[in-house]
Protein backbone atom coordinates (compact mmCIF):
# COMPACT_ATOMS: atom_id res chain seq x y z
CA MET A 1 0.31 0.06 -0.05
CA ASP A 2 1.63 3.29 -1.03
CA THR A 3 1.38 6.56 0.91
CA ASN A 4 -1.48 8.11 -0.34
CA LEU A 5 -3.49 4.63 0.02
CA ASP A 6 -2.26 4.54 3.40
CA GLU A 7 -3.34 7.77 4.20
CA MET A 8 -6.64 7.20 2.85
CA PHE A 9 -7.29 4.86 4.77
CA LYS A 10 -5.88 5.78 8.05
CA ALA A 11 -8.59 8.82 7.55
CA GLY A 12 -11.78 6.70 7.40
CA VAL A 13 -11.22 7.21 3.88
CA HIS A 14 -12.73 3.68 2.59
CA PHE A 15 -15.40 3.58 4.92
CA GLY A 16 -19.25 3.10 3.19
CA TYR A 17 -22.29 2.82 4.59
CA SER A 18 -24.81 -1.12 4.77
CA ARG A 19 -25.24 -2.24 1.56
CA SER A 20 -28.77 -2.13 2.48
CA SER A 21 -28.31 2.32 1.54
CA ARG A 22 -26.23 1.42 -1.13
CA HIS A 23 -26.89 3.51 -4.98
CA PRO A 24 -26.39 0.97 -7.81
CA SER A 25 -24.14 2.97 -10.14
CA MET A 26 -21.66 3.02 -6.88
CA LYS A 27 -20.49 -0.64 -6.84
CA PRO A 28 -18.04 -0.05 -9.55
CA VAL A 29 -15.81 1.52 -6.61
CA ILE A 30 -17.18 -1.10 -4.03
CA TYR A 31 -14.52 -2.97 -2.83
CA GLY A 32 -16.65 -5.38 -0.68
CA THR A 33 -18.49 -5.43 3.21
CA LYS A 34 -17.38 -5.88 5.89
CA ASN A 35 -19.22 -6.46 9.15
CA ARG A 36 -21.89 -4.99 7.44
CA VAL A 37 -20.45 -2.13 6.07
CA GLU A 38 -19.31 -1.63 2.61
CA ILE A 39 -15.66 -0.48 2.22
CA ILE A 40 -14.72 1.71 -1.26
CA ASN A 41 -11.76 0.86 -3.15
CA LEU A 42 -9.25 3.48 -2.52
CA GLU A 43 -7.75 2.76 -5.73
CA LYS A 44 -10.72 3.59 -7.03
CA THR A 45 -10.57 7.15 -4.92
CA GLU A 46 -7.03 7.88 -5.57
CA GLU A 47 -7.85 7.39 -9.38
CA TYR A 48 -10.69 10.29 -9.40
CA LEU A 49 -9.14 12.47 -6.69
CA ASN A 50 -6.24 12.42 -8.91
CA LYS A 51 -8.33 13.87 -11.74
CA VAL A 52 -9.71 16.08 -9.86
CA LYS A 53 -5.75 17.24 -8.04
CA GLU A 54 -5.36 18.14 -11.83
CA LEU A 55 -8.31 19.84 -12.68
CA LEU A 56 -7.45 22.34 -10.14
CA LYS A 57 -3.90 22.66 -10.87
CA GLY A 58 -5.28 23.79 -13.79
CA LEU A 59 -8.07 26.30 -12.47
CA SER A 60 -5.94 27.32 -10.27
CA LEU A 61 -3.57 29.17 -13.54
CA GLY A 62 -6.56 30.83 -14.37
CA GLY A 63 -7.21 32.55 -10.76
CA LYS A 64 -10.82 30.57 -11.08
CA THR A 65 -13.42 30.23 -7.80
CA ILE A 66 -14.20 27.91 -6.34
CA LEU A 67 -17.20 27.33 -4.35
CA PHE A 68 -17.23 24.70 -1.36
CA VAL A 69 -20.44 23.81 -0.09
CA GLY A 70 -20.61 21.20 3.16
CA THR A 71 -24.32 22.21 5.39
CA LYS A 72 -23.53 18.62 7.12
CA SER A 73 -22.15 19.01 10.59
CA GLU A 74 -18.95 16.71 10.14
CA ALA A 75 -18.46 18.69 6.73
CA ARG A 76 -18.79 22.64 8.08
CA ASP A 77 -15.37 23.01 9.88
CA ALA A 78 -13.15 21.89 6.91
CA VAL A 79 -15.43 22.94 4.63
CA LYS A 80 -14.57 26.63 6.14
CA ASN A 81 -11.28 25.72 6.57
CA ALA A 82 -10.59 24.76 3.33
CA ALA A 83 -12.24 28.11 1.09
CA ASP A 84 -10.53 30.19 4.07
CA MET A 85 -7.15 28.76 3.18
CA LEU A 86 -8.18 29.77 -0.66
CA ASN A 87 -9.90 32.47 0.16
CA MET A 88 -12.90 31.36 -1.84
CA PRO A 89 -16.62 31.52 -0.78
CA TYR A 90 -18.31 29.05 1.04
CA VAL A 91 -21.46 27.67 1.91
CA ILE A 92 -22.41 25.36 5.51
CA GLU A 93 -25.28 26.24 7.25
CA ARG A 94 -28.03 25.98 4.39
CA TRP A 95 -28.29 26.02 0.73
CA VAL A 96 -30.74 29.01 -0.09
CA GLY A 97 -32.43 29.01 -2.77
CA GLY A 98 -31.40 30.78 -6.25
CA ILE A 99 -27.89 31.68 -4.48
CA PHE A 100 -27.10 30.38 -8.20
CA THR A 101 -30.41 30.56 -10.61
CA ASN A 102 -31.43 34.01 -9.07
CA PHE A 103 -27.93 35.49 -7.67
CA SER A 104 -29.13 39.03 -8.37
CA GLU A 105 -31.83 38.78 -5.46
CA ILE A 106 -29.54 37.31 -3.20
CA LYS A 107 -26.59 40.01 -4.18
CA LYS A 108 -29.22 42.77 -2.49
CA ARG A 109 -29.65 40.68 0.73
CA ILE A 110 -25.36 40.74 0.86
CA ALA A 111 -25.38 44.59 0.31
CA ARG A 112 -28.08 44.65 3.70
CA MET A 113 -25.68 42.10 5.45
CA LYS A 114 -22.78 44.68 4.52
CA ASP A 115 -24.63 47.84 5.53
CA LEU A 116 -25.86 46.54 8.92
CA ILE A 117 -22.61 45.88 9.49
CA ASP A 118 -21.47 48.70 7.98
CA LYS A 119 -23.39 50.68 10.15
CA LYS A 120 -23.22 49.29 13.24
CA ALA A 121 -19.32 49.13 13.49
CA LYS A 122 -20.03 53.54 12.56
CA GLY A 123 -22.73 53.59 15.36
CA GLU A 124 -25.22 54.56 13.03
CA LEU A 125 -27.57 52.20 14.73
CA ASP A 126 -27.56 53.98 17.89
CA VAL A 127 -30.09 56.47 17.40
CA TYR A 128 -32.45 53.60 17.15
CA THR A 129 -34.64 52.24 20.17
CA LYS A 130 -33.39 48.91 22.03
CA LYS A 131 -36.29 47.03 20.64
CA GLU A 132 -35.46 48.22 17.55
CA ARG A 133 -31.85 47.75 18.06
CA LEU A 134 -31.97 44.05 18.89
CA ILE A 135 -34.37 43.33 15.75
CA LEU A 136 -31.55 44.72 13.39
CA GLN A 137 -29.05 42.84 15.54
CA TRP A 138 -31.54 39.23 14.62
CA GLU A 139 -31.66 40.74 10.83
CA GLN A 140 -27.55 41.25 10.50
CA GLU A 141 -26.97 37.78 12.48
CA ARG A 142 -29.38 36.15 10.25
CA LEU A 143 -27.91 36.84 7.19
CA GLU A 144 -24.33 36.37 7.90
CA LYS A 145 -25.02 33.44 9.02
CA LEU A 146 -26.11 32.31 5.39
CA PHE A 147 -24.53 34.86 3.33
CA GLY A 148 -21.31 35.49 5.51
CA GLY A 149 -19.52 33.00 3.46
CA LEU A 150 -20.47 34.71 0.04
CA ALA A 151 -19.89 38.35 0.87
CA ASP A 152 -17.01 38.25 -2.02
CA MET A 153 -18.31 36.19 -4.35
CA THR A 154 -19.57 39.10 -7.41
CA GLU A 155 -19.82 36.59 -10.13
CA LYS A 156 -20.80 32.40 -10.74
CA PRO A 157 -18.05 30.34 -9.69
CA ALA A 158 -16.60 28.92 -12.33
CA ILE A 159 -17.04 24.72 -9.71
CA MET A 160 -18.55 24.01 -7.17
CA PHE A 161 -17.19 21.51 -4.45
CA VAL A 162 -19.91 19.77 -1.94
CA VAL A 163 -19.56 17.39 0.04
CA ASP A 164 -22.37 14.68 0.17
CA PRO A 165 -24.14 15.44 -2.95
CA LYS A 166 -27.32 13.46 -1.81
CA LYS A 167 -27.29 15.77 0.99
CA GLU A 168 -27.08 19.08 -1.39
CA LYS A 169 -29.66 18.17 -3.84
CA ILE A 170 -30.70 21.85 -4.16
CA ALA A 171 -27.53 23.49 -5.11
CA VAL A 172 -26.33 20.77 -7.30
CA ALA A 173 -29.34 20.82 -9.13
CA GLU A 174 -29.16 24.74 -9.01
CA ALA A 175 -25.41 24.03 -10.48
CA ARG A 176 -26.09 21.96 -13.56
CA LYS A 177 -28.89 24.73 -14.76
CA MET A 178 -26.33 27.22 -14.63
CA GLY A 179 -23.77 24.99 -15.88
CA VAL A 180 -21.31 25.29 -13.05
CA PRO A 181 -19.49 22.37 -13.13
CA VAL A 182 -19.48 19.66 -9.79
CA ILE A 183 -16.73 18.26 -7.50
CA ALA A 184 -17.85 15.30 -4.71
CA LEU A 185 -17.36 13.99 -2.56
CA MET A 186 -20.38 10.91 -2.15
CA ASN A 187 -20.37 8.17 -0.09
CA THR A 188 -22.10 5.20 -1.25
CA ASP A 189 -25.81 6.04 -1.43
CA CYS A 190 -25.25 8.48 -3.87
CA GLU A 191 -26.04 8.30 -7.49
CA PHE A 192 -22.34 8.84 -9.42
CA LYS A 193 -23.84 11.36 -12.21
CA ASP A 194 -25.03 13.71 -10.00
CA ALA A 195 -21.10 15.03 -9.53
CA ASP A 196 -19.28 15.62 -13.40
CA TYR A 197 -15.91 14.69 -10.72
CA PRO A 198 -16.94 12.18 -8.92
CA ILE A 199 -15.10 11.78 -5.50
CA PRO A 200 -15.93 8.24 -3.38
CA GLY A 201 -15.17 8.18 -0.44
CA ASN A 202 -16.76 8.34 3.74
CA ASP A 203 -18.89 11.70 3.33
CA ALA A 204 -19.54 11.43 6.63
CA SER A 205 -15.97 11.86 8.97
CA MET A 206 -14.62 14.90 9.40
CA THR A 207 -11.32 13.28 9.44
CA SER A 208 -11.88 11.74 5.96
CA ILE A 209 -13.69 15.29 4.50
CA LYS A 210 -10.69 17.02 6.40
CA TYR A 211 -8.55 14.68 4.67
CA ILE A 212 -9.77 15.08 0.82
CA LEU A 213 -10.14 18.92 1.79
CA ASP A 214 -6.18 19.05 2.17
CA GLN A 215 -6.10 17.15 -0.71
CA LEU A 216 -7.94 19.51 -3.00
CA VAL A 217 -6.40 23.09 -1.03
CA SER A 218 -2.70 21.65 -1.80
CA ALA A 219 -3.94 20.95 -5.82
CA TYR A 220 -5.02 24.27 -5.91
CA ARG A 221 -2.12 25.55 -4.30
CA ASN A 222 -0.29 23.41 -6.81
CA LYS A 223 1.98 22.28 -3.93
């Protein structure tokens, strides 16, 4: 077992779900079953991962934008950290319908968020009553939670990365509609064709998700 496969094994990338939850399209990347848990063929994972890494190296040379999406609890920290390391946009709370298909409206909400942040910093909200300030603070916090990671996204990204396309089906559907290619870390319950660039692997483990994202960050940095 070479170094990359060994690292993936230690990170638990090979753990799938139970056979009963397997999507038929994932059968070619499954090595076998152990204790009723399907085992993903890490040689296949490495093959698909390397394709994505080469793709990202090319996107990096053109300074292209990647949108990172991972709203499941196991993915949030790793997705945000990866996006921050590359100064890229991200969604980690909830995919708000229209981020791709109605971005002009989303930009208005981002502008409102920035306006509230700016006015608070300048003390311009002090003219309001305590109750009014609390309402505005609640609005700001809600907008930051939903759109904080998109504050600097001014146009459609070149590509989107998602953890678990089954979980992020609305994001994937919008990306498809708007012609944004999708990279996806997907477990054995996902449909393989839901991503233009699938990476078969454990999408329910923090260590597995972090390993894959670290690989992608390094690839974009051409390291």
